[in-house]
Amino acid sequence: MEENSKSNVTFNIYGGNNQILPNATEAVQNFYGDQFADQKLHSEGESTDAPHEDEQRLAIYINKVESLRGYISLLTACKTAKEVGEVVARCARTRRR
């Protein structure tokens, strides 16, 4: 009798870029995010100094460095929670346009 030597494989894909290699014995994925950011900032003439902690936190939501620094300066000038809310609402309206 011939034994079924093929294994069963289940792929659960939840977004992102996926490459299915049915005959591969090994797969390697490399990330070059740190180099991309450095090159992008350098090409825009921005300083490649390490961003401040505030910039790092907000950078995942705002990708333009100029806009990010402008929003941070507006937020640091706020004295009340109401002012912070108004600045955030204004920034959200500006970004949607």
Protein backbone atom coordinates (compact mmCIF):
# COMPACT_ATOMS: atom_id res chain seq x y z
CA MET A 1 0.00 0.00 0.00
CA GLU A 2 1.16 3.48 -0.80
CA GLU A 3 1.30 5.78 2.18
CA ASN A 4 0.24 9.39 1.74
CA SER A 5 3.45 11.28 2.55
CA LYS A 6 2.10 14.74 1.75
CA SER A 7 1.51 16.92 4.76
CA ASN A 8 -1.53 19.08 5.26
CA VAL A 9 -0.83 22.80 5.44
CA THR A 10 -3.19 25.55 6.56
CA PHE A 11 -2.53 29.20 5.77
CA ASN A 12 -4.16 31.86 7.94
CA ILE A 13 -3.48 35.25 6.36
CA TYR A 14 -4.45 38.42 8.18
CA GLY A 15 -3.39 41.33 5.95
CA GLY A 16 0.05 42.52 4.98
CA ASN A 17 2.25 41.19 2.20
CA ASN A 18 2.36 37.41 2.05
CA GLN A 19 4.29 35.06 -0.15
CA ILE A 20 3.30 31.41 -0.20
CA LEU A 21 6.12 29.10 -1.22
CA PRO A 22 4.78 25.52 -1.33
CA ASN A 23 8.13 23.93 -2.18
CA ALA A 24 10.32 26.04 0.09
CA THR A 25 12.13 24.50 3.03
CA GLU A 26 13.00 27.87 4.54
CA ALA A 27 11.85 31.49 4.26
CA VAL A 28 13.65 34.63 5.41
CA GLN A 29 12.10 38.07 5.74
CA ASN A 30 14.29 41.14 6.14
CA PHE A 31 13.12 44.55 7.34
CA TYR A 32 14.96 47.69 6.32
CA GLY A 33 12.77 50.31 7.99
CA ASP A 34 15.52 52.13 9.84
CA GLN A 35 17.53 52.73 6.67
CA PHE A 36 14.46 53.85 4.72
CA ALA A 37 13.61 56.52 7.30
CA ASP A 38 17.18 57.82 7.31
CA GLN A 39 17.26 58.05 3.50
CA LYS A 40 13.82 59.69 3.35
CA LEU A 41 14.73 62.37 5.88
CA HIS A 42 18.07 62.98 4.19
CA SER A 43 16.45 63.41 0.75
CA GLU A 44 13.95 65.95 2.15
CA GLY A 45 16.75 67.98 3.69
CA GLU A 46 15.61 67.24 7.22
CA SER A 47 18.06 66.53 9.98
CA THR A 48 18.64 62.86 10.66
CA ASP A 49 19.05 63.45 14.39
CA ALA A 50 17.13 61.12 16.62
CA PRO A 51 13.53 62.34 16.96
CA HIS A 52 12.28 63.53 20.30
CA GLU A 53 10.12 61.22 22.38
CA ASP A 54 6.98 63.23 21.50
CA GLU A 55 7.77 62.96 17.79
CA GLN A 56 8.27 59.21 18.06
CA ARG A 57 4.88 58.73 19.70
CA LEU A 58 2.98 60.77 17.12
CA ALA A 59 4.97 59.68 14.05
CA ILE A 60 2.85 56.54 13.66
CA TYR A 61 -0.17 58.78 13.00
CA ILE A 62 1.45 61.66 11.08
CA ASN A 63 4.09 60.81 8.48
CA LYS A 64 5.09 64.32 7.30
CA VAL A 65 7.87 65.61 9.53
CA GLU A 66 6.96 69.28 8.97
CA SER A 67 3.31 68.68 9.90
CA LEU A 68 4.31 66.58 12.88
CA ARG A 69 6.54 69.29 14.32
CA GLY A 70 3.83 71.90 13.73
CA TYR A 71 1.24 69.80 15.56
CA ILE A 72 3.64 69.23 18.45
CA SER A 73 4.29 72.95 18.81
CA LEU A 74 0.54 73.63 18.84
CA LEU A 75 -0.05 70.90 21.42
CA THR A 76 2.73 72.05 23.73
CA ALA A 77 1.24 75.56 23.77
CA CYS A 78 -2.06 74.20 25.16
CA LYS A 79 -2.84 74.93 28.79
CA THR A 80 -6.15 73.07 29.18
CA ALA A 81 -7.67 69.81 28.01
CA LYS A 82 -10.21 71.82 26.02
CA GLU A 83 -7.41 73.50 24.05
CA VAL A 84 -5.80 70.11 23.38
CA GLY A 85 -9.13 68.78 22.07
CA GLU A 86 -9.56 71.79 19.79
CA VAL A 87 -6.03 71.41 18.38
CA VAL A 88 -6.53 67.68 17.78
CA ALA A 89 -9.87 68.33 16.03
CA ARG A 90 -8.28 71.04 13.86
CA CYS A 91 -5.39 68.73 12.96
CA ALA A 92 -7.79 65.90 12.07
CA ARG A 93 -9.83 68.21 9.81
CA THR A 94 -6.66 69.45 8.10
CA ARG A 95 -5.37 65.93 7.47
CA ARG A 96 -8.65 64.77 5.86
CA ARG A 97 -8.51 67.46 3.16
